[in-house]
C-alpha atoms as a PDB file:
ATOM      1  CA  MET A   1     -18.336 -12.981  -4.685  1.00  0.00           C
ATOM      2  CA  GLU A   2     -16.373 -10.740  -2.339  1.00  0.00           C
ATOM      3  CA  ALA A   3     -12.709 -10.710  -0.922  1.00  0.00           C
ATOM      4  CA  ARG A   4     -14.066 -12.008   2.376  1.00  0.00           C
ATOM      5  CA  HIS A   5     -15.398 -15.257   0.757  1.00  0.00           C
ATOM      6  CA  LEU A   6     -11.906 -15.876  -0.354  1.00  0.00           C
ATOM      7  CA  ARG A   7     -10.526 -15.401   3.061  1.00  0.00           C
ATOM      8  CA  TYR A   8     -13.174 -17.629   4.522  1.00  0.00           C
ATOM      9  CA  ALA A   9     -12.322 -20.371   2.152  1.00  0.00           C
ATOM     10  CA  LEU A  10      -8.544 -19.935   2.669  1.00  0.00           C
ATOM     11  CA  ALA A  11      -9.039 -20.128   6.426  1.00  0.00           C
ATOM     12  CA  LEU A  12     -11.020 -23.376   6.255  1.00  0.00           C
ATOM     13  CA  ALA A  13      -8.515 -24.868   4.024  1.00  0.00           C
ATOM     14  CA  ASP A  14      -5.729 -23.774   6.473  1.00  0.00           C
ATOM     15  CA  HIS A  15      -7.607 -24.962   9.923  1.00  0.00           C
ATOM     16  CA  GLN A  16      -9.456 -28.075   8.228  1.00  0.00           C
ATOM     17  CA  HIS A  17     -12.191 -27.356  10.570  1.00  0.00           C
ATOM     18  CA  PHE A  18     -15.239 -24.939  10.756  1.00  0.00           C
ATOM     19  CA  GLY A  19     -15.120 -24.292  14.308  1.00  0.00           C
ATOM     20  CA  ARG A  20     -11.249 -23.522  14.533  1.00  0.00           C
ATOM     21  CA  ALA A  21     -11.486 -21.355  11.269  1.00  0.00           C
ATOM     22  CA  ALA A  22     -14.363 -19.410  12.403  1.00  0.00           C
ATOM     23  CA  GLU A  23     -12.366 -18.778  15.761  1.00  0.00           C
ATOM     24  CA  ALA A  24      -9.465 -17.488  13.621  1.00  0.00           C
ATOM     25  CA  LEU A  25     -11.649 -15.274  11.620  1.00  0.00           C
ATOM     26  CA  GLY A  26     -13.352 -13.821  14.717  1.00  0.00           C
ATOM     27  CA  ILE A  27     -16.801 -14.957  13.639  1.00  0.00           C
ATOM     28  CA  ALA A  28     -19.371 -17.580  14.521  1.00  0.00           C
ATOM     29  CA  GLN A  29     -19.385 -21.047  13.004  1.00  0.00           C
ATOM     30  CA  PRO A  30     -22.853 -20.907  11.551  1.00  0.00           C
ATOM     31  CA  PRO A  31     -22.215 -17.702   9.249  1.00  0.00           C
ATOM     32  CA  LEU A  32     -18.820 -19.200   8.169  1.00  0.00           C
ATOM     33  CA  SER A  33     -20.745 -22.513   7.153  1.00  0.00           C
ATOM     34  CA  LYS A  34     -23.349 -20.379   5.219  1.00  0.00           C
ATOM     35  CA  GLN A  35     -20.827 -18.307   3.531  1.00  0.00           C
ATOM     36  CA  ILE A  36     -18.890 -21.335   2.303  1.00  0.00           C
ATOM     37  CA  ALA A  37     -21.973 -22.959   0.926  1.00  0.00           C
ATOM     38  CA  ASP A  38     -23.028 -19.637  -0.642  1.00  0.00           C
ATOM     39  CA  LEU A  39     -19.508 -19.629  -2.304  1.00  0.00           C
ATOM     40  CA  GLU A  40     -19.720 -23.184  -3.459  1.00  0.00           C
ATOM     41  CA  ARG A  41     -23.246 -22.425  -5.018  1.00  0.00           C
ATOM     42  CA  GLU A  42     -21.770 -19.467  -6.876  1.00  0.00           C
ATOM     43  CA  VAL A  43     -18.864 -21.338  -8.205  1.00  0.00           C
ATOM     44  CA  GLY A  44     -21.021 -24.132  -9.169  1.00  0.00           C
ATOM     45  CA  ALA A  45     -18.707 -26.999  -7.644  1.00  0.00           C
ATOM     46  CA  ARG A  46     -18.111 -28.543  -4.250  1.00  0.00           C
ATOM     47  CA  LEU A  47     -14.947 -26.944  -2.848  1.00  0.00           C
ATOM     48  CA  PHE A  48     -14.661 -28.863   0.411  1.00  0.00           C
ATOM     49  CA  ASP A  49     -15.203 -32.442   1.413  1.00  0.00           C
ATOM     50  CA  ARG A  50     -16.789 -32.654   5.054  1.00  0.00           C
ATOM     51  CA  THR A  51     -15.512 -35.753   6.886  1.00  0.00           C
ATOM     52  CA  ARG A  52     -15.308 -36.969  10.233  1.00  0.00           C
ATOM     53  CA  GLN A  53     -11.432 -36.534  10.120  1.00  0.00           C
ATOM     54  CA  GLY A  54     -11.856 -32.722   9.106  1.00  0.00           C
ATOM     55  CA  VAL A  55     -12.720 -30.499   6.120  1.00  0.00           C
ATOM     56  CA  PHE A  56     -10.497 -30.708   3.152  1.00  0.00           C
ATOM     57  CA  PRO A  57     -10.555 -29.013  -0.347  1.00  0.00           C
ATOM     58  CA  THR A  58     -11.651 -31.006  -3.293  1.00  0.00           C
ATOM     59  CA  ALA A  59      -9.872 -30.944  -6.572  1.00  0.00           C
ATOM     60  CA  ALA A  60     -12.010 -27.907  -7.638  1.00  0.00           C
ATOM     61  CA  GLY A  61     -11.223 -26.373  -4.084  1.00  0.00           C
ATOM     62  CA  THR A  62      -7.515 -26.827  -4.626  1.00  0.00           C
ATOM     63  CA  ALA A  63      -7.710 -25.065  -8.024  1.00  0.00           C
ATOM     64  CA  PHE A  64      -9.873 -22.399  -6.596  1.00  0.00           C
ATOM     65  CA  LEU A  65      -7.902 -21.575  -3.444  1.00  0.00           C
ATOM     66  CA  ASP A  66      -4.719 -21.210  -5.619  1.00  0.00           C
ATOM     67  CA  ARG A  67      -6.253 -18.492  -7.568  1.00  0.00           C
ATOM     68  CA  ALA A  68      -7.883 -17.019  -4.550  1.00  0.00           C
ATOM     69  CA  GLN A  69      -4.418 -16.666  -2.759  1.00  0.00           C
ATOM     70  CA  ARG A  70      -3.169 -14.878  -5.661  1.00  0.00           C
ATOM     71  CA  ALA A  71      -6.270 -12.778  -5.949  1.00  0.00           C
ATOM     72  CA  LEU A  72      -6.022 -11.600  -2.341  1.00  0.00           C
ATOM     73  CA  ALA A  73      -2.232 -10.942  -2.819  1.00  0.00           C
ATOM     74  CA  GLU A  74      -3.021  -8.833  -5.838  1.00  0.00           C
ATOM     75  CA  MET A  75      -5.729  -6.847  -3.859  1.00  0.00           C
ATOM     76  CA  ALA A  76      -3.225  -6.150  -1.017  1.00  0.00           C
ATOM     77  CA  SER A  77      -0.864  -5.026  -3.558  1.00  0.00           C
ATOM     78  CA  ALA A  78      -3.411  -2.696  -5.213  1.00  0.00           C
ATOM     79  CA  VAL A  79      -4.306  -1.163  -2.145  1.00  0.00           C
ATOM     80  CA  THR A  80      -0.538  -0.709  -1.336  1.00  0.00           C
ATOM     81  CA  ASP A  81       0.091   0.826  -4.742  1.00  0.00           C
ATOM     82  CA  ALA A  82      -2.793   3.148  -4.368  1.00  0.00           C
ATOM     83  CA  GLN A  83      -1.747   4.537  -0.970  1.00  0.00           C
ATOM     84  CA  ARG A  84       1.819   5.060  -2.181  1.00  0.00           C
ATOM     85  CA  ALA A  85       0.646   6.822  -5.278  1.00  0.00           C
ATOM     86  CA  ALA A  86      -1.632   8.923  -2.835  1.00  0.00           C
ATOM     87  CA  ARG A  87       1.458  10.065  -0.914  1.00  0.00           C
ATOM     88  CA  GLY A  88       3.411  10.821  -4.119  1.00  0.00           C
ATOM     89  CA  GLU A  89       5.896   7.982  -3.605  1.00  0.00           C
ATOM     90  CA  THR A  90       5.182   6.624  -7.144  1.00  0.00           C
ATOM     91  CA  GLY A  91       4.242   8.248 -10.594  1.00  0.00           C
ATOM     92  CA  ARG A  92       5.973  10.521 -12.782  1.00  0.00           C
ATOM     93  CA  LEU A  93       7.247  14.107 -12.625  1.00  0.00           C
ATOM     94  CA  ARG A  94       8.296  16.160 -15.694  1.00  0.00           C
ATOM     95  CA  LEU A  95      10.645  18.965 -14.902  1.00  0.00           C
ATOM     96  CA  GLY A  96      11.898  21.684 -17.434  1.00  0.00           C
ATOM     97  CA  PHE A  97      14.787  23.848 -16.405  1.00  0.00           C
ATOM     98  CA  ILE A  98      17.406  26.223 -17.579  1.00  0.00           C
ATOM     99  CA  ALA A  99      21.014  25.213 -17.438  1.00  0.00           C
ATOM    100  CA  SER A 100      22.055  27.721 -14.790  1.00  0.00           C
ATOM    101  CA  ALA A 101      19.600  26.139 -12.480  1.00  0.00           C
ATOM    102  CA  LEU A 102      21.805  23.202 -12.129  1.00  0.00           C
ATOM    103  CA  LEU A 103      24.382  25.176 -10.436  1.00  0.00           C
ATOM    104  CA  ASP A 104      22.036  26.074  -7.717  1.00  0.00           C
ATOM    105  CA  PRO A 105      19.496  25.169  -6.248  1.00  0.00           C
ATOM    106  CA  LEU A 106      18.470  22.187  -8.280  1.00  0.00           C
ATOM    107  CA  PRO A 107      21.187  19.532  -7.561  1.00  0.00           C
ATOM    108  CA  GLY A 108      20.205  19.477  -3.902  1.00  0.00           C
ATOM    109  CA  VAL A 109      16.594  19.261  -4.674  1.00  0.00           C
ATOM    110  CA  LEU A 110      16.809  16.742  -7.010  1.00  0.00           C
ATOM    111  CA  ALA A 111      19.288  14.674  -4.980  1.00  0.00           C
ATOM    112  CA  ARG A 112      17.131  14.828  -1.893  1.00  0.00           C
ATOM    113  CA  PHE A 113      13.825  14.117  -3.948  1.00  0.00           C
ATOM    114  CA  GLY A 114      15.510  11.061  -5.534  1.00  0.00           C
ATOM    115  CA  ARG A 115      16.508   9.889  -2.015  1.00  0.00           C
ATOM    116  CA  GLU A 116      13.009  10.215  -0.594  1.00  0.00           C
ATOM    117  CA  ARG A 117      10.890   9.041  -3.633  1.00  0.00           C
ATOM    118  CA  PRO A 118      13.117   6.564  -5.424  1.00  0.00           C
ATOM    119  CA  ASP A 119      10.206   5.087  -7.290  1.00  0.00           C
ATOM    120  CA  VAL A 120       9.081   8.422  -8.801  1.00  0.00           C
ATOM    121  CA  ARG A 121      10.132   8.708 -12.419  1.00  0.00           C
ATOM    122  CA  LEU A 122      11.925  11.844 -13.241  1.00  0.00           C
ATOM    123  CA  GLU A 123      11.632  13.249 -16.615  1.00  0.00           C
ATOM    124  CA  LEU A 124      14.155  16.067 -16.948  1.00  0.00           C
ATOM    125  CA  HIS A 125      14.401  18.393 -19.932  1.00  0.00           C
ATOM    126  CA  GLU A 126      16.745  21.212 -20.128  1.00  0.00           C
ATOM    127  CA  MET A 127      15.193  24.014 -22.094  1.00  0.00           C
ATOM    128  CA  ALA A 128      14.885  27.894 -22.448  1.00  0.00           C
ATOM    129  CA  THR A 129      12.419  29.731 -20.219  1.00  0.00           C
ATOM    130  CA  SER A 130      10.216  30.623 -23.101  1.00  0.00           C
ATOM    131  CA  ARG A 131       9.913  26.899 -24.130  1.00  0.00           C
ATOM    132  CA  SER A 132       9.331  25.626 -20.721  1.00  0.00           C
ATOM    133  CA  THR A 133       6.595  28.171 -19.895  1.00  0.00           C
ATOM    134  CA  ALA A 134       4.792  27.065 -23.319  1.00  0.00           C
ATOM    135  CA  ALA A 135       5.226  23.594 -22.250  1.00  0.00           C
ATOM    136  CA  LEU A 136       3.951  23.870 -18.837  1.00  0.00           C
ATOM    137  CA  VAL A 137       0.809  26.071 -20.040  1.00  0.00           C
ATOM    138  CA  ALA A 138       0.333  23.104 -22.711  1.00  0.00           C
ATOM    139  CA  GLY A 139       0.410  20.313 -19.933  1.00  0.00           C
ATOM    140  CA  GLU A 140       3.556  18.864 -21.296  1.00  0.00           C
ATOM    141  CA  LEU A 141       5.592  19.683 -17.972  1.00  0.00           C
ATOM    142  CA  ASP A 142       4.655  19.324 -14.370  1.00  0.00           C
ATOM    143  CA  VAL A 143       7.207  22.025 -13.113  1.00  0.00           C
ATOM    144  CA  ALA A 144       9.376  24.767 -14.801  1.00  0.00           C
ATOM    145  CA  VAL A 145      12.261  26.473 -13.470  1.00  0.00           C
ATOM    146  CA  GLY A 146      13.274  29.518 -15.505  1.00  0.00           C
ATOM    147  CA  LEU A 147      14.376  33.049 -15.253  1.00  0.00           C
ATOM    148  CA  GLY A 148      11.679  35.653 -14.469  1.00  0.00           C
ATOM    149  CA  ARG A 149       7.820  35.079 -14.011  1.00  0.00           C
ATOM    150  CA  PRO A 150       6.079  33.356 -16.792  1.00  0.00           C
ATOM    151  CA  ARG A 151       4.638  35.814 -19.496  1.00  0.00           C
ATOM    152  CA  GLY A 152       2.052  35.342 -22.148  1.00  0.00           C
ATOM    153  CA  ARG A 153      -1.069  33.505 -22.752  1.00  0.00           C
ATOM    154  CA  GLY A 154      -1.941  31.003 -19.920  1.00  0.00           C
ATOM    155  CA  ALA A 155       0.569  32.479 -17.620  1.00  0.00           C
ATOM    156  CA  GLU A 156      -2.357  33.624 -15.283  1.00  0.00           C
ATOM    157  CA  ASN A 157      -3.034  29.799 -14.580  1.00  0.00           C
ATOM    158  CA  LEU A 158       0.366  29.218 -13.195  1.00  0.00           C
ATOM    159  CA  THR A 159       1.669  29.644  -9.524  1.00  0.00           C
ATOM    160  CA  SER A 160       5.352  31.006  -9.360  1.00  0.00           C
ATOM    161  CA  VAL A 161       7.744  31.352  -6.603  1.00  0.00           C
ATOM    162  CA  THR A 162      11.338  32.708  -6.420  1.00  0.00           C
ATOM    163  CA  ILE A 163      13.782  29.909  -5.603  1.00  0.00           C
ATOM    164  CA  GLY A 164      17.102  31.970  -6.270  1.00  0.00           C
ATOM    165  CA  ARG A 165      18.241  35.540  -6.694  1.00  0.00           C
ATOM    166  CA  ASP A 166      21.460  36.611  -8.687  1.00  0.00           C
ATOM    167  CA  HIS A 167      23.284  39.382  -9.944  1.00  0.00           C
ATOM    168  CA  LEU A 168      25.409  39.898 -13.167  1.00  0.00           C
ATOM    169  CA  THR A 169      28.873  38.693 -13.388  1.00  0.00           C
ATOM    170  CA  ALA A 170      31.261  39.178 -16.351  1.00  0.00           C
ATOM    171  CA  VAL A 171      33.766  36.200 -17.535  1.00  0.00           C
ATOM    172  CA  VAL A 172      36.902  36.734 -19.630  1.00  0.00           C
ATOM    173  CA  SER A 173      39.729  34.952 -20.867  1.00  0.00           C
ATOM    174  CA  THR A 174      42.778  34.974 -18.702  1.00  0.00           C
ATOM    175  CA  ALA A 175      44.417  36.581 -21.647  1.00  0.00           C
ATOM    176  CA  HIS A 176      41.875  39.405 -21.711  1.00  0.00           C
ATOM    177  CA  PRO A 177      42.793  42.861 -20.515  1.00  0.00           C
ATOM    178  CA  TYR A 178      40.081  42.498 -17.843  1.00  0.00           C
ATOM    179  CA  ALA A 179      41.719  39.367 -16.411  1.00  0.00           C
ATOM    180  CA  GLY A 180      43.085  40.047 -13.034  1.00  0.00           C
ATOM    181  CA  ARG A 181      40.551  42.828 -12.210  1.00  0.00           C
ATOM    182  CA  PRO A 182      37.971  42.352  -9.454  1.00  0.00           C
ATOM    183  CA  SER A 183      35.187  44.141 -11.262  1.00  0.00           C
ATOM    184  CA  VAL A 184      34.302  45.878 -14.684  1.00  0.00           C
ATOM    185  CA  SER A 185      32.034  48.837 -14.928  1.00  0.00           C
ATOM    186  CA  VAL A 186      28.845  48.956 -17.115  1.00  0.00           C
ATOM    187  CA  ALA A 187      30.596  51.798 -19.243  1.00  0.00           C
ATOM    188  CA  GLN A 188      33.388  49.261 -19.982  1.00  0.00           C
ATOM    189  CA  LEU A 189      31.108  46.601 -20.864  1.00  0.00           C
ATOM    190  CA  ARG A 190      29.436  48.883 -23.572  1.00  0.00           C
ATOM    191  CA  GLN A 191      32.932  49.003 -25.266  1.00  0.00           C
ATOM    192  CA  GLN A 192      33.257  45.222 -25.495  1.00  0.00           C
ATOM    193  CA  HIS A 193      31.899  42.559 -27.691  1.00  0.00           C
ATOM    194  CA  LEU A 194      29.523  40.588 -25.407  1.00  0.00           C
ATOM    195  CA  ILE A 195      28.595  36.956 -24.976  1.00  0.00           C
ATOM    196  CA  VAL A 196      25.006  36.779 -23.716  1.00  0.00           C
ATOM    197  CA  ALA A 197      21.895  34.464 -23.549  1.00  0.00           C
ATOM    198  CA  SER A 198      19.193  34.511 -26.420  1.00  0.00           C
ATOM    199  CA  CYS A 199      16.814  37.186 -25.740  1.00  0.00           C
ATOM    200  CA  ASP A 200      14.204  35.120 -27.528  1.00  0.00           C
ATOM    201  CA  ASP A 201      14.758  32.181 -25.244  1.00  0.00           C
ATOM    202  CA  GLU A 202      15.264  34.406 -22.170  1.00  0.00           C
ATOM    203  CA  PRO A 203      13.106  37.402 -22.509  1.00  0.00           C
ATOM    204  CA  ALA A 204      13.736  38.487 -18.914  1.00  0.00           C
ATOM    205  CA  ILE A 205      17.475  38.640 -19.505  1.00  0.00           C
ATOM    206  CA  GLY A 206      17.098  40.613 -22.743  1.00  0.00           C
ATOM    207  CA  ILE A 207      15.010  43.256 -20.909  1.00  0.00           C
ATOM    208  CA  ALA A 208      17.315  43.332 -17.937  1.00  0.00           C
ATOM    209  CA  LEU A 209      20.568  43.724 -20.240  1.00  0.00           C
ATOM    210  CA  SER A 210      18.642  46.461 -22.397  1.00  0.00           C
ATOM    211  CA  ALA A 211      17.872  48.326 -19.197  1.00  0.00           C
ATOM    212  CA  LEU A 212      21.503  48.046 -18.280  1.00  0.00           C
ATOM    213  CA  LEU A 213      23.294  48.773 -21.336  1.00  0.00           C
ATOM    214  CA  GLY A 214      20.660  50.720 -23.086  1.00  0.00           C
ATOM    215  CA  GLU A 215      18.135  49.716 -25.734  1.00  0.00           C
ATOM    216  CA  ASP A 216      20.138  51.072 -28.638  1.00  0.00           C
ATOM    217  CA  SER A 217      23.476  49.697 -27.230  1.00  0.00           C
ATOM    218  CA  ALA A 218      25.768  48.344 -29.979  1.00  0.00           C
ATOM    219  CA  ALA A 219      27.230  45.980 -27.469  1.00  0.00           C
ATOM    220  CA  CYS A 220      23.562  44.433 -27.148  1.00  0.00           C
ATOM    221  CA  HIS A 221      22.686  44.233 -30.748  1.00  0.00           C
ATOM    222  CA  GLY A 222      26.059  43.042 -31.820  1.00  0.00           C
ATOM    223  CA  ALA A 223      26.444  40.466 -29.012  1.00  0.00           C
ATOM    224  CA  THR A 224      27.309  36.732 -29.617  1.00  0.00           C
ATOM    225  CA  VAL A 225      24.144  34.615 -28.528  1.00  0.00           C
ATOM    226  CA  ALA A 226      24.760  31.517 -26.359  1.00  0.00           C
ATOM    227  CA  ARG A 227      22.507  28.858 -25.271  1.00  0.00           C
ATOM    228  CA  ASP A 228      23.480  28.501 -21.669  1.00  0.00           C
ATOM    229  CA  VAL A 229      26.067  29.635 -19.107  1.00  0.00           C
ATOM    230  CA  HIS A 230      28.493  26.795 -19.992  1.00  0.00           C
ATOM    231  CA  THR A 231      28.746  28.093 -23.606  1.00  0.00           C
ATOM    232  CA  ILE A 232      29.119  31.624 -22.394  1.00  0.00           C
ATOM    233  CA  ILE A 233      32.031  30.601 -20.256  1.00  0.00           C
ATOM    234  CA  SER A 234      33.480  28.396 -23.085  1.00  0.00           C
ATOM    235  CA  LEU A 235      33.394  31.244 -25.643  1.00  0.00           C
ATOM    236  CA  ALA A 236      34.802  33.984 -23.327  1.00  0.00           C
ATOM    237  CA  VAL A 237      37.741  31.549 -22.585  1.00  0.00           C
ATOM    238  CA  SER A 238      38.059  31.143 -26.365  1.00  0.00           C
ATOM    239  CA  GLY A 239      38.597  34.907 -26.573  1.00  0.00           C
ATOM    240  CA  VAL A 240      35.383  35.701 -28.303  1.00  0.00           C
ATOM    241  CA  GLY A 241      34.549  38.441 -26.087  1.00  0.00           C
ATOM    242  CA  VAL A 242      33.230  39.312 -22.545  1.00  0.00           C
ATOM    243  CA  GLY A 243      30.489  36.730 -21.227  1.00  0.00           C
ATOM    244  CA  LEU A 244      27.704  38.017 -19.042  1.00  0.00           C
ATOM    245  CA  GLY A 245      25.804  35.641 -16.872  1.00  0.00           C
ATOM    246  CA  PRO A 246      24.479  35.033 -13.284  1.00  0.00           C
ATOM    247  CA  SER A 247      27.042  35.021 -10.430  1.00  0.00           C
ATOM    248  CA  ARG A 248      26.348  31.270  -9.889  1.00  0.00           C
ATOM    249  CA  MET A 249      28.286  30.624 -12.893  1.00  0.00           C
ATOM    250  CA  THR A 250      31.460  31.266 -11.039  1.00  0.00           C
ATOM    251  CA  ALA A 251      30.819  27.743  -9.448  1.00  0.00           C
ATOM    252  CA  VAL A 252      31.654  26.163 -12.764  1.00  0.00           C
ATOM    253  CA  PRO A 253      35.457  25.300 -12.697  1.00  0.00           C
ATOM    254  CA  ARG A 254      36.992  26.189 -15.948  1.00  0.00           C
ATOM    255  CA  LYS A 255      40.843  26.704 -16.707  1.00  0.00           C
ATOM    256  CA  GLY A 256      41.507  29.781 -18.417  1.00  0.00           C
ATOM    257  CA  ALA A 257      38.372  31.734 -17.029  1.00  0.00           C
ATOM    258  CA  TRP A 258      38.400  34.824 -14.903  1.00  0.00           C
ATOM    259  CA  PHE A 259      35.319  36.310 -13.322  1.00  0.00           C
ATOM    260  CA  CYS A 260      34.679  39.897 -12.464  1.00  0.00           C
ATOM    261  CA  ARG A 261      31.891  41.755 -10.494  1.00  0.00           C
ATOM    262  CA  VAL A 262      29.863  44.183 -12.603  1.00  0.00           C
ATOM    263  CA  THR A 263      29.595  47.638 -11.036  1.00  0.00           C
ATOM    264  CA  PRO A 264      27.406  49.159 -10.042  1.00  0.00           C
ATOM    265  CA  PRO A 265      25.792  45.853  -9.165  1.00  0.00           C
ATOM    266  CA  ALA A 266      23.014  44.749 -11.584  1.00  0.00           C
ATOM    267  CA  ARG A 267      20.388  42.327 -10.377  1.00  0.00           C
ATOM    268  CA  LEU A 268      19.268  39.624 -12.742  1.00  0.00           C
ATOM    269  CA  PRO A 269      15.620  38.368 -13.043  1.00  0.00           C
ATOM    270  CA  ASP A 270      14.990  35.873 -10.370  1.00  0.00           C
ATOM    271  CA  LEU A 271      15.200  32.155 -10.763  1.00  0.00           C
ATOM    272  CA  VAL A 272      11.526  31.101 -10.617  1.00  0.00           C
ATOM    273  CA  LEU A 273       9.805  27.722 -10.131  1.00  0.00           C
ATOM    274  CA  SER A 274       6.315  27.362 -11.840  1.00  0.00           C
ATOM    275  CA  PHE A 275       3.654  25.063 -11.890  1.00  0.00           C
ATOM    276  CA  ALA A 276      -0.202  24.895 -12.863  1.00  0.00           C
ATOM    277  CA  THR A 277      -2.077  26.212  -9.875  1.00  0.00           C
ATOM    278  CA  GLN A 278      -4.920  23.611 -10.205  1.00  0.00           C
ATOM    279  CA  ASP A 279      -2.598  20.671 -10.341  1.00  0.00           C
ATOM    280  CA  ARG A 280      -3.426  18.438  -7.650  1.00  0.00           C
ATOM    281  CA  SER A 281      -0.908  15.590  -8.456  1.00  0.00           C
ATOM    282  CA  PRO A 282       0.418  13.943  -5.242  1.00  0.00           C
ATOM    283  CA  VAL A 283       3.852  13.652  -6.949  1.00  0.00           C
ATOM    284  CA  LEU A 284       3.933  17.491  -7.494  1.00  0.00           C
ATOM    285  CA  ALA A 285       2.815  18.061  -3.938  1.00  0.00           C
ATOM    286  CA  ALA A 286       5.762  15.896  -2.773  1.00  0.00           C
ATOM    287  CA  PHE A 287       8.171  17.717  -5.039  1.00  0.00           C
ATOM    288  CA  LEU A 288       7.138  20.926  -3.658  1.00  0.00           C
ATOM    289  CA  ASP A 289       7.523  19.553  -0.159  1.00  0.00           C
ATOM    290  CA  THR A 290      11.260  18.741  -0.960  1.00  0.00           C
ATOM    291  CA  VAL A 291      11.654  22.271  -2.431  1.00  0.00           C
ATOM    292  CA  ARG A 292      10.349  23.457   0.957  1.00  0.00           C
ATOM    293  CA  ALA A 293      12.723  21.344   2.879  1.00  0.00           C
ATOM    294  CA  ASN A 294      15.718  21.890   0.825  1.00  0.00           C
ATOM    295  CA  CYS A 295      15.014  25.752   0.500  1.00  0.00           C
ATOM    296  CA  PRO A 296      13.615  26.922   3.650  1.00  0.00           C
ATOM    297  CA  GLU A 297      13.195  30.385   2.742  1.00  0.00           C
ATOM    298  CA  VAL A 298      10.824  29.492  -0.291  1.00  0.00           C
ATOM    299  CA  GLY A 299       8.249  27.748   1.907  1.00  0.00           C
ATOM    300  CA  ALA A 300       6.324  30.769   3.272  1.00  0.00           C
ATOM    301  CA  ALA A 301       6.386  32.454  -0.291  1.00  0.00           C
ATOM    302  CA  LEU A 302       5.054  29.201  -1.810  1.00  0.00           C
ATOM    303  CA  ASP A 303       2.202  28.888   0.657  1.00  0.00           C
ATOM    304  CA  ASP A 304       1.343  32.609   0.179  1.00  0.00           C
ATOM    305  CA  ARG A 305       0.771  32.157  -3.622  1.00  0.00           C
ATOM    306  CA  LEU A 306      -1.200  28.938  -3.304  1.00  0.00           C
ATOM    307  CA  ARG A 307      -4.922  29.082  -3.006  1.00  0.00           C
ATOM    308  CA  PRO A 308      -6.186  27.625   0.226  1.00  0.00           C
ATOM    309  CA  GLU A 309      -7.388  24.393  -1.175  1.00  0.00           C
ATOM    310  CA  ALA A 310      -4.317  23.839  -3.133  1.00  0.00           C
ATOM    311  CA  ARG A 311      -2.258  24.409  -0.024  1.00  0.00           C
ATOM    312  CA  ARG A 312      -3.983  21.627   1.618  1.00  0.00           C
ATOM    313  CA  CYS A 313      -2.997  19.395  -1.208  1.00  0.00           C
ATOM    314  CA  THR A 314       0.803  20.277  -0.599  1.00  0.00           C
ATOM    315  CA  GLN A 315       0.963  19.819   3.167  1.00  0.00           C
ATOM    316  CA  ARG A 316       4.002  17.827   4.246  1.00  0.00           C
ATOM    317  CA  ARG A 317       3.488  14.133   4.086  1.00  0.00           C
ATOM    318  CA  PRO A 318       5.541  11.477   5.961  1.00  0.00           C
ATOM    319  CA  VAL A 319       8.077   9.685   3.803  1.00  0.00           C
ATOM    320  CA  ALA A 320       8.424   5.885   4.507  1.00  0.00           C
ATOM    321  CA  GLY A 321      11.723   5.050   5.983  1.00  0.00           C
ATOM    322  CA  ARG A 322      12.546   8.479   7.128  1.00  0.00           C
END
């Protein structure tokens, strides 16, 4: 039994005449009569009464047609669902990210992706770069946003692209001696109690600070370790010390905080988006399309890092309703 048999039976029940049903279906009457007869033999029951007044469903036919209508509707829905999944309009995306990425550029990317793909289930996990890299390699995430390019075992199987660049900024309490100053020098920072991100969680930050302040710097070894930029700012406002973080943290409004440039300027590890190179998920392709659209400078770099076959999988797809 095929879908066409169901369509033929429904058309016959609708038109109550073999000739009219055949015309509506775009086929000749004899093949329609034969297909209905074949269907009745397969079902093992007479589905239609042939009378001079017309062709009408029997009790068995009525029961069959009810199910047939639902079956065709389910088949149509299955086709639609498959097409939407192939376009990345449904499914799941698991994203791991560091907190500072929520300052920029993730808000714009996530908002746009949510508008364009409202039926994709986003699973968002705030986590340190070291953890998100491990989760990505293990297949527990689809995308990771962290500081610096992924390191360690399995990193060679990832594709990474820079989505943000930043430089070091200091934050202090408005009661601190540095408050009111536009900048603070590296030499001055070496004399202060510092508040920094965990070197274990963010190894790229640890390397950058060691290079800036010196590997044996007492400021580095005696620093207070904070989980994210929000904690760094809060501890600095509390008078614990001088917080060091990306300049994007100046976008966080906080009463009692004063931000200073660090001189000479010290570039921080890039904010990097990573995913498995061999991942062919349409949802991932759709997310990368959104990153391209929202961060135009990323598109060319992303394509350069993708293998030719992967690039074809992430070509821009039309979004329904746009």
